[in-house]
Amino acid sequence: MNQNEKIREMVSTVYGKAIGSTSTGCGCTAQKEKCSIANMAGYEKTDMNTLNSGAAANSFGCGNPLAFSGVKEGDTVVDLGSGAGFDLILAAKKVGPGGHVIGVDMTEAMIEKARENIRAEGLANVEVRLGLIEQLPVESASVDWLISNCVINLSPEKTRVFSEIQRVLKPGGQMLVSDIVVKNLPDWLRQNNQLYAACVGGAISEEEYLSGLRQVGLINVEVRNRFVYEASQIKAFFETEEIPGLKEIIDGHPVQSHENLIKQMTMNAVGNVWSAEFYAKKPAKKMKRSSDEIINRMIELAGSKYNCSQIMMMLTLEHEDYENPGLVRAMSGLGDGCGFFNETCGVMTSAASLLAWYGGKGSGNEAESDKLLPMLQDLGEWFKQKTASKFKGTSCKDIVGDLVGTSAGKQICGELIFDTHNKVNEILTSYGFSDF
């Protein structure tokens, strides 16, 4: 068992025990009057009081990802780490009989409790699936909205989670997740297993979270809401034992030191731990352009000071509603690491990095990695044949020579970009990448 599996097993065990106790997860249960976080997170009392089930009594969350979302009737919604089903039930009522809600959780006790609560509500448009959020049992490009409530911070492989979010969203699909973020935590807190289960030890910063979502190709990434915990609230978490893992930390020390320990941990956490709501959107489908439109776009990008590698990437990555120069720059670095092609021009390097992105190396999608080498081999063979018929070799110097920067040199590069762009699309299609 590797370290990631150990972390998942530990988290699953803690939350499996908590589902049958009075613990309430990373936030606080919505039915406890003494707890104000649930109300401040955006849950309405009517959401809880009208339930026939006990879903609200086992709400393990730090926010309300449905409060400010645009979920509507007929939508398909996926909830990562759906727990006892509170947000599933609320989402099911939003999407109506014509919609579909899918919960994914890795803890069997949670799955059983959620199904029990769903039956009590009499809902037929919601289901719960056993699985990992790093490998969602959900069809690609099938989801209108993805939500999650204080769960992604528990994953030891957040990059894979972000990639899975991008994969399952439809073009134009959206996500809104509530999660715990941290900054400036001392190592002794980060390395504590109980604090990991309490949503603190494994949490990342806002900046890392936003960057991770952007790197997988999501757009309009932003923090829409924040709730920074005050010292009195953090102290109350320890004293009331509301969060799984915290009781074990306190109980592991002599009774006479409990007060000082709680004070020390509170001082370290205040101002450095808060919940945030993250929004992002998957771009609409890539624009379909005629040959003339592609050429005109190449000319426009060249006029904006993009080099040949960046133009190549931009043509393939552009979608109907956005440009993503940040991803282009990131992929330039990926292309530099493609040692499969030696002494080739920038057009070829960027084309290889595009295939690497879709094939798994860049996106973190390991399920597709077996396609990567064959795609690169197809591209390399085509490029060698293409340049062999016209040039001395495949390097930039072989292709353009002394014509670099001249009109004639730009014409040569433009034709090569155009042909390589078409070849990349052809290869991606032939290997089953239809949505790119």
Protein backbone atom coordinates (compact mmCIF):
# COMPACT_ATOMS: atom_id res chain seq x y z
CA MET A 1 0.00 0.00 0.00
CA ASN A 2 1.54 3.35 -1.05
CA GLN A 3 1.29 6.59 0.91
CA ASN A 4 -1.71 7.90 -1.05
CA GLU A 5 -3.63 4.70 -0.40
CA LYS A 6 -2.77 4.88 3.30
CA ILE A 7 -4.12 8.43 3.48
CA ARG A 8 -7.35 7.44 1.75
CA GLU A 9 -7.78 4.45 4.05
CA MET A 10 -7.22 6.62 7.11
CA VAL A 11 -9.73 9.25 5.95
CA SER A 12 -12.31 6.59 5.04
CA THR A 13 -11.96 4.95 8.45
CA VAL A 14 -12.35 8.23 10.33
CA TYR A 15 -15.44 9.29 8.39
CA GLY A 16 -16.92 5.80 8.48
CA LYS A 17 -16.84 6.00 12.28
CA ALA A 18 -18.06 9.59 12.33
CA ILE A 19 -21.20 8.86 10.31
CA GLY A 20 -22.61 6.97 13.27
CA SER A 21 -21.54 9.44 15.93
CA THR A 22 -22.26 13.03 16.85
CA SER A 23 -19.25 14.33 14.90
CA THR A 24 -20.13 16.58 12.01
CA GLY A 25 -17.19 16.87 9.69
CA CYS A 26 -15.12 19.80 8.55
CA GLY A 27 -17.81 22.38 9.28
CA CYS A 28 -20.67 21.77 11.65
CA THR A 29 -24.02 20.11 11.51
CA ALA A 30 -26.80 22.24 10.17
CA GLN A 31 -29.18 21.30 12.99
CA LYS A 32 -27.05 22.53 15.88
CA GLU A 33 -28.26 25.95 16.93
CA LYS A 34 -24.94 26.70 18.65
CA CYS A 35 -23.14 26.42 15.34
CA SER A 36 -23.35 29.53 13.13
CA ILE A 37 -21.10 28.36 10.29
CA ALA A 38 -23.83 26.43 8.47
CA ASN A 39 -26.06 29.50 8.38
CA MET A 40 -23.22 31.75 7.25
CA ALA A 41 -22.34 29.21 4.57
CA GLY A 42 -25.68 29.84 2.94
CA TYR A 43 -27.94 26.95 3.94
CA GLU A 44 -31.53 28.00 4.50
CA LYS A 45 -33.40 26.63 7.50
CA THR A 46 -36.16 25.50 5.14
CA ASP A 47 -33.61 23.30 3.36
CA MET A 48 -33.15 21.35 6.57
CA ASN A 49 -36.57 21.53 8.17
CA THR A 50 -38.40 20.10 5.16
CA LEU A 51 -36.25 16.96 4.94
CA ASN A 52 -37.79 13.62 5.81
CA SER A 53 -34.35 12.02 6.23
CA GLY A 54 -31.44 12.49 8.62
CA ALA A 55 -29.16 13.84 5.88
CA ALA A 56 -28.77 17.26 7.49
CA ALA A 57 -27.84 15.71 10.83
CA ASN A 58 -24.75 14.17 9.22
CA SER A 59 -23.68 17.10 7.07
CA PHE A 60 -19.88 16.96 6.73
CA GLY A 61 -19.12 20.28 5.12
CA CYS A 62 -17.68 23.79 5.28
CA GLY A 63 -20.05 25.60 2.94
CA ASN A 64 -23.05 25.38 0.65
CA PRO A 65 -21.87 24.83 -2.95
CA LEU A 66 -25.46 24.99 -4.22
CA ALA A 67 -26.27 28.37 -2.68
CA PHE A 68 -24.83 30.49 -5.48
CA SER A 69 -24.75 28.00 -8.34
CA GLY A 70 -26.91 28.14 -11.44
CA VAL A 71 -28.16 24.56 -11.15
CA LYS A 72 -31.52 24.36 -12.90
CA GLU A 73 -34.22 21.88 -13.85
CA GLY A 74 -33.00 19.16 -16.19
CA ASP A 75 -29.31 19.49 -15.28
CA THR A 76 -26.96 16.63 -14.51
CA VAL A 77 -25.08 17.27 -11.26
CA VAL A 78 -22.17 15.35 -9.70
CA ASP A 79 -21.24 15.74 -6.02
CA LEU A 80 -17.68 14.75 -5.08
CA GLY A 81 -17.53 13.09 -1.66
CA SER A 82 -21.31 13.13 -1.28
CA GLY A 83 -21.31 11.76 2.27
CA ALA A 84 -24.73 11.19 3.83
CA GLY A 85 -26.41 12.86 0.86
CA PHE A 86 -27.45 16.28 2.15
CA ASP A 87 -26.26 18.22 -0.90
CA LEU A 88 -27.40 15.39 -3.19
CA ILE A 89 -30.96 15.74 -1.92
CA LEU A 90 -30.93 19.54 -2.27
CA ALA A 91 -29.53 19.23 -5.80
CA ALA A 92 -32.11 16.58 -6.75
CA LYS A 93 -34.90 18.94 -5.77
CA LYS A 94 -33.32 21.71 -7.86
CA VAL A 95 -32.94 19.66 -11.05
CA GLY A 96 -36.39 18.09 -10.81
CA PRO A 97 -37.63 14.81 -12.30
CA GLY A 98 -35.99 15.58 -15.64
CA GLY A 99 -32.55 16.04 -14.09
CA HIS A 100 -30.03 13.58 -12.70
CA VAL A 101 -27.82 13.80 -9.62
CA ILE A 102 -24.83 11.51 -9.00
CA GLY A 103 -22.96 11.26 -5.71
CA VAL A 104 -19.49 9.73 -5.49
CA ASP A 105 -17.98 8.61 -2.19
CA MET A 106 -15.22 6.17 -1.24
CA THR A 107 -16.66 5.16 2.15
CA GLU A 108 -19.20 2.33 2.13
CA ALA A 109 -20.82 3.51 5.36
CA MET A 110 -21.44 6.88 3.72
CA ILE A 111 -22.91 5.24 0.63
CA GLU A 112 -25.31 3.18 2.74
CA LYS A 113 -26.39 6.21 4.79
CA ALA A 114 -26.89 8.34 1.66
CA ARG A 115 -29.03 5.69 -0.02
CA GLU A 116 -31.10 5.38 3.15
CA ASN A 117 -31.66 9.14 3.22
CA ILE A 118 -32.48 9.28 -0.50
CA ARG A 119 -35.11 6.55 -0.05
CA ALA A 120 -36.61 8.47 2.86
CA GLU A 121 -36.97 11.53 0.61
CA GLY A 122 -38.64 9.44 -2.11
CA LEU A 123 -36.29 10.69 -4.83
CA ALA A 124 -35.87 8.75 -8.07
CA ASN A 125 -33.50 11.14 -9.86
CA VAL A 126 -30.44 10.67 -7.66
CA GLU A 127 -27.93 7.82 -7.28
CA VAL A 128 -24.76 7.23 -5.27
CA ARG A 129 -21.69 5.47 -6.66
CA LEU A 130 -18.77 3.99 -4.75
CA GLY A 131 -15.52 5.38 -6.12
CA LEU A 132 -12.58 7.74 -5.77
CA ILE A 133 -12.74 11.40 -6.68
CA GLU A 134 -9.33 10.90 -8.34
CA GLN A 135 -10.92 8.38 -10.71
CA LEU A 136 -14.59 9.26 -11.01
CA PRO A 137 -17.04 6.55 -12.11
CA VAL A 138 -18.69 9.13 -14.35
CA GLU A 139 -18.83 9.37 -18.15
CA SER A 140 -16.67 12.02 -19.82
CA ALA A 141 -18.34 15.29 -20.88
CA SER A 142 -21.65 14.31 -19.23
CA VAL A 143 -22.05 16.79 -16.35
CA ASP A 144 -23.63 20.27 -16.30
CA TRP A 145 -22.61 21.12 -12.74
CA LEU A 146 -20.02 19.64 -10.39
CA ILE A 147 -20.23 20.43 -6.68
CA SER A 148 -18.27 19.35 -3.62
CA ASN A 149 -18.37 20.29 0.04
CA CYS A 150 -15.08 20.22 1.94
CA VAL A 151 -13.76 17.03 0.33
CA ILE A 152 -11.05 17.81 -2.23
CA ASN A 153 -8.73 18.99 0.57
CA LEU A 154 -8.75 15.38 1.82
CA SER A 155 -7.38 14.01 -1.45
CA PRO A 156 -3.65 13.20 -1.52
CA GLU A 157 -3.70 13.67 -5.33
CA LYS A 158 -5.47 16.95 -5.98
CA THR A 159 -4.07 17.35 -9.50
CA ARG A 160 -5.84 14.15 -10.52
CA VAL A 161 -9.07 15.43 -8.98
CA PHE A 162 -8.84 18.66 -10.97
CA SER A 163 -8.20 16.67 -14.16
CA GLU A 164 -11.25 14.49 -13.44
CA ILE A 165 -13.39 17.59 -12.95
CA GLN A 166 -12.31 18.83 -16.37
CA ARG A 167 -12.96 15.42 -17.92
CA VAL A 168 -16.51 14.85 -16.68
CA LEU A 169 -17.83 18.37 -17.30
CA LYS A 170 -19.63 18.98 -20.55
CA PRO A 171 -18.23 21.72 -22.79
CA GLY A 172 -19.59 24.82 -21.07
CA GLY A 173 -20.18 22.85 -17.84
CA GLN A 174 -19.47 24.56 -14.51
CA MET A 175 -18.22 23.71 -11.04
CA LEU A 176 -18.71 25.31 -7.65
CA VAL A 177 -17.00 23.68 -4.69
CA SER A 178 -16.62 24.69 -1.06
CA ASP A 179 -13.33 23.71 0.51
CA ILE A 180 -10.84 24.43 3.26
CA VAL A 181 -7.67 26.32 2.32
CA VAL A 182 -4.66 27.15 4.45
CA LYS A 183 -1.47 29.19 4.54
CA ASN A 184 1.58 29.41 6.78
CA LEU A 185 0.81 26.28 8.81
CA PRO A 186 3.75 24.85 10.75
CA ASP A 187 4.97 21.40 9.70
CA TRP A 188 3.93 19.78 12.98
CA LEU A 189 0.30 20.60 12.14
CA ARG A 190 0.56 19.48 8.52
CA GLN A 191 2.10 16.15 9.48
CA ASN A 192 -0.61 15.23 11.98
CA ASN A 193 -2.90 12.47 10.65
CA GLN A 194 -5.83 13.61 12.78
CA LEU A 195 -5.55 17.14 11.39
CA TYR A 196 -5.45 15.66 7.88
CA ALA A 197 -8.81 13.99 8.53
CA ALA A 198 -10.00 17.29 10.02
CA CYS A 199 -9.52 18.92 6.58
CA VAL A 200 -6.50 20.98 7.61
CA GLY A 201 -3.33 18.90 7.23
CA GLY A 202 -3.84 18.14 3.54
CA ALA A 203 -5.33 21.46 2.50
CA ILE A 204 -3.53 23.74 0.05
CA SER A 205 -3.49 27.50 -0.42
CA GLU A 206 -6.00 29.49 -2.45
CA GLU A 207 -3.29 30.27 -4.97
CA GLU A 208 -2.42 26.58 -5.46
CA TYR A 209 -6.10 25.70 -5.79
CA LEU A 210 -6.76 28.32 -8.45
CA SER A 211 -3.59 27.41 -10.32
CA GLY A 212 -4.49 23.72 -10.29
CA LEU A 213 -7.88 24.37 -11.84
CA ARG A 214 -6.40 26.61 -14.53
CA GLN A 215 -3.67 24.13 -15.41
CA VAL A 216 -6.18 21.49 -16.45
CA GLY A 217 -7.79 23.91 -18.89
CA LEU A 218 -10.71 25.29 -16.87
CA ILE A 219 -11.56 28.96 -17.34
CA ASN A 220 -13.13 31.86 -15.42
CA VAL A 221 -11.49 30.42 -12.32
CA GLU A 222 -12.19 32.48 -9.20
CA VAL A 223 -12.99 32.51 -5.48
CA ARG A 224 -16.62 33.57 -5.10
CA ASN A 225 -16.95 33.54 -1.36
CA ARG A 226 -14.80 33.23 1.76
CA PHE A 227 -15.42 32.49 5.41
CA VAL A 228 -12.40 33.11 7.63
CA TYR A 229 -12.73 31.38 10.98
CA GLU A 230 -12.30 33.51 14.09
CA ALA A 231 -10.30 32.36 17.09
CA SER A 232 -13.45 31.67 19.12
CA GLN A 233 -14.85 29.43 16.37
CA ILE A 234 -11.62 27.46 15.96
CA LYS A 235 -11.37 27.06 19.74
CA ALA A 236 -14.96 25.80 19.82
CA PHE A 237 -14.13 23.09 17.28
CA PHE A 238 -11.59 21.62 19.68
CA GLU A 239 -13.73 22.04 22.78
CA THR A 240 -16.97 20.62 21.32
CA GLU A 241 -15.24 17.83 19.37
CA GLU A 242 -17.35 18.58 16.27
CA ILE A 243 -14.74 17.64 13.67
CA PRO A 244 -13.48 14.06 13.12
CA GLY A 245 -9.86 13.74 14.21
CA LEU A 246 -9.70 16.65 16.66
CA LYS A 247 -10.92 14.63 19.65
CA GLU A 248 -8.11 12.12 19.10
CA ILE A 249 -5.52 14.91 19.10
CA ILE A 250 -6.71 16.27 22.43
CA ASP A 251 -7.20 12.86 24.04
CA GLY A 252 -3.63 11.88 23.13
CA HIS A 253 -2.28 14.38 25.69
CA PRO A 254 -2.58 14.58 29.47
CA VAL A 255 -5.80 16.20 30.68
CA GLN A 256 -3.92 18.99 32.44
CA SER A 257 -2.34 20.08 29.13
CA HIS A 258 -5.57 20.18 27.08
CA GLU A 259 -6.23 23.88 27.63
CA ASN A 260 -2.71 24.93 26.58
CA LEU A 261 -2.77 22.59 23.58
CA ILE A 262 -6.08 24.00 22.34
CA LYS A 263 -4.77 27.54 22.81
CA GLN A 264 -1.56 26.77 20.89
CA MET A 265 -3.36 25.10 17.98
CA THR A 266 -5.92 27.90 17.82
CA MET A 267 -3.17 30.53 17.64
CA ASN A 268 -1.51 28.65 14.75
CA ALA A 269 -4.78 28.27 12.84
CA VAL A 270 -6.42 31.68 13.27
CA GLY A 271 -6.06 33.73 10.10
CA ASN A 272 -4.43 30.79 8.34
CA VAL A 273 -7.43 28.49 7.85
CA TRP A 274 -10.64 29.40 6.05
CA SER A 275 -13.29 28.01 3.76
CA ALA A 276 -13.64 29.28 0.20
CA GLU A 277 -16.00 28.67 -2.71
CA PHE A 278 -14.20 28.03 -5.99
CA TYR A 279 -15.89 28.49 -9.36
CA ALA A 280 -14.64 27.38 -12.76
CA LYS A 281 -16.02 26.52 -16.19
CA LYS A 282 -15.05 24.10 -18.92
CA PRO A 283 -14.65 25.91 -22.25
CA ALA A 284 -17.22 25.40 -24.97
CA LYS A 285 -16.21 23.21 -27.89
CA LYS A 286 -13.24 24.19 -29.97
CA MET A 287 -13.99 26.47 -32.86
CA LYS A 288 -14.31 24.87 -36.27
CA ARG A 289 -12.57 27.04 -38.83
CA SER A 290 -12.13 26.97 -42.56
CA SER A 291 -8.64 27.04 -44.07
CA ASP A 292 -8.92 30.76 -44.79
CA GLU A 293 -10.07 31.45 -41.22
CA ILE A 294 -7.13 29.50 -39.79
CA ILE A 295 -4.67 31.40 -41.98
CA ASN A 296 -6.20 34.75 -40.99
CA ARG A 297 -6.02 33.77 -37.33
CA MET A 298 -2.35 32.81 -37.75
CA ILE A 299 -1.63 36.25 -39.22
CA GLU A 300 -3.49 37.91 -36.35
CA LEU A 301 -1.56 35.96 -33.71
CA ALA A 302 1.76 36.71 -35.41
CA GLY A 303 0.86 40.39 -35.30
CA SER A 304 0.29 40.04 -31.55
CA LYS A 305 3.94 38.94 -31.15
CA TYR A 306 3.23 35.22 -30.67
CA ASN A 307 6.05 33.00 -31.90
CA CYS A 308 5.52 29.97 -34.13
CA SER A 309 5.25 27.54 -31.18
CA GLN A 310 2.66 29.67 -29.42
CA ILE A 311 0.65 30.12 -32.62
CA MET A 312 0.61 26.38 -33.14
CA MET A 313 -0.69 25.80 -29.62
CA MET A 314 -3.21 28.63 -29.70
CA LEU A 315 -4.82 27.36 -32.90
CA THR A 316 -5.44 23.97 -31.32
CA LEU A 317 -6.42 25.15 -27.84
CA GLU A 318 -8.74 28.00 -28.73
CA HIS A 319 -12.40 27.45 -27.97
CA GLU A 320 -15.51 29.44 -28.73
CA ASP A 321 -15.53 31.56 -25.59
CA TYR A 322 -11.94 32.15 -24.60
CA GLU A 323 -8.23 32.35 -25.26
CA ASN A 324 -5.89 30.72 -22.78
CA PRO A 325 -2.41 32.21 -23.14
CA GLY A 326 -1.52 30.96 -19.64
CA LEU A 327 -2.03 27.37 -20.75
CA VAL A 328 -0.04 28.04 -23.89
CA ARG A 329 2.88 29.31 -21.81
CA ALA A 330 2.63 26.32 -19.49
CA MET A 331 2.61 23.95 -22.42
CA SER A 332 5.64 25.64 -23.88
CA GLY A 333 7.50 24.29 -20.87
CA LEU A 334 5.97 20.87 -21.42
CA GLY A 335 7.09 20.95 -25.03
CA ASP A 336 10.64 21.71 -23.95
CA GLY A 337 10.59 18.45 -22.01
CA CYS A 338 9.62 16.32 -24.99
CA GLY A 339 13.03 14.76 -25.64
CA PHE A 340 11.51 12.30 -28.09
CA PHE A 341 12.28 14.76 -30.88
CA ASN A 342 15.86 16.01 -31.13
CA GLU A 343 16.89 19.03 -33.16
CA THR A 344 13.43 19.95 -34.41
CA CYS A 345 11.84 23.31 -34.96
CA GLY A 346 9.45 24.98 -32.51
CA VAL A 347 6.40 24.01 -34.54
CA MET A 348 7.17 20.34 -34.05
CA THR A 349 7.97 20.77 -30.36
CA SER A 350 4.68 22.56 -29.74
CA ALA A 351 2.77 19.94 -31.75
CA ALA A 352 4.33 17.21 -29.59
CA SER A 353 3.36 19.05 -26.40
CA LEU A 354 -0.23 19.33 -27.64
CA LEU A 355 -0.39 15.58 -28.14
CA ALA A 356 1.24 15.13 -24.72
CA TRP A 357 -1.46 17.30 -23.15
CA TYR A 358 -4.35 15.38 -24.64
CA GLY A 359 -2.57 12.04 -24.35
CA GLY A 360 -2.16 12.31 -20.62
CA LYS A 361 1.36 13.56 -19.91
CA GLY A 362 0.28 17.16 -19.52
CA SER A 363 -3.25 16.72 -18.22
CA GLY A 364 -2.42 14.08 -15.62
CA ASN A 365 -4.93 11.69 -17.19
CA GLU A 366 -3.13 8.39 -16.73
CA ALA A 367 -5.97 6.46 -18.37
CA GLU A 368 -4.96 7.83 -21.76
CA SER A 369 -1.18 7.55 -21.37
CA ASP A 370 -0.96 4.36 -23.42
CA LYS A 371 -1.93 6.40 -26.49
CA LEU A 372 0.77 9.01 -26.05
CA LEU A 373 3.82 7.25 -27.50
CA PRO A 374 2.02 5.97 -30.63
CA MET A 375 0.66 9.47 -31.27
CA LEU A 376 4.10 11.02 -30.92
CA GLN A 377 5.56 8.36 -33.21
CA ASP A 378 2.91 9.08 -35.85
CA LEU A 379 3.64 12.78 -35.62
CA GLY A 380 7.40 12.30 -35.75
CA GLU A 381 7.26 10.07 -38.83
CA TRP A 382 4.94 12.47 -40.62
CA PHE A 383 7.13 15.48 -39.76
CA LYS A 384 10.31 13.78 -40.99
CA GLN A 385 8.68 12.90 -44.30
CA LYS A 386 7.22 16.38 -44.60
CA THR A 387 10.53 18.16 -44.09
CA ALA A 388 12.64 15.60 -46.00
CA SER A 389 10.86 16.45 -49.24
CA LYS A 390 11.58 20.18 -48.91
CA PHE A 391 14.40 20.87 -46.45
CA LYS A 392 17.80 19.62 -45.31
CA GLY A 393 16.50 18.46 -41.93
CA THR A 394 13.96 19.04 -39.20
CA SER A 395 15.63 21.81 -37.19
CA CYS A 396 14.57 25.45 -37.44
CA LYS A 397 17.89 26.28 -39.13
CA ASP A 398 17.36 23.51 -41.70
CA ILE A 399 13.86 24.75 -42.50
CA VAL A 400 14.19 28.55 -42.45
CA GLY A 401 17.94 29.17 -42.52
CA ASP A 402 18.89 32.75 -43.23
CA LEU A 403 15.27 33.66 -43.97
CA VAL A 404 14.40 34.00 -40.27
CA GLY A 405 12.31 37.15 -39.75
CA THR A 406 11.84 37.83 -43.47
CA SER A 407 8.56 37.65 -45.36
CA ALA A 408 9.74 34.52 -47.15
CA GLY A 409 10.71 32.89 -43.83
CA LYS A 410 7.34 33.74 -42.32
CA GLN A 411 5.63 32.19 -45.33
CA ILE A 412 7.57 28.94 -44.83
CA CYS A 413 6.73 28.86 -41.10
CA GLY A 414 3.09 29.73 -41.77
CA GLU A 415 2.64 26.83 -44.18
CA LEU A 416 4.34 24.46 -41.75
CA ILE A 417 2.16 25.63 -38.85
CA PHE A 418 -0.98 25.19 -40.95
CA ASP A 419 -0.06 21.67 -42.08
CA THR A 420 1.08 20.58 -38.61
CA HIS A 421 -2.05 21.99 -36.99
CA ASN A 422 -4.18 19.90 -39.35
CA LYS A 423 -2.03 16.82 -38.68
CA VAL A 424 -2.37 17.20 -34.90
CA ASN A 425 -6.16 17.35 -35.24
CA GLU A 426 -6.10 14.33 -37.52
CA ILE A 427 -4.02 12.29 -35.04
CA LEU A 428 -6.16 13.28 -32.08
CA THR A 429 -9.30 12.25 -33.95
CA SER A 430 -7.83 8.93 -35.02
CA TYR A 431 -6.96 8.09 -31.39
CA GLY A 432 -10.44 8.88 -30.11
CA PHE A 433 -10.05 12.42 -28.82
CA SER A 434 -13.22 13.90 -30.24
CA ASP A 435 -13.64 16.87 -27.89
CA PHE A 436 -10.51 18.99 -28.30
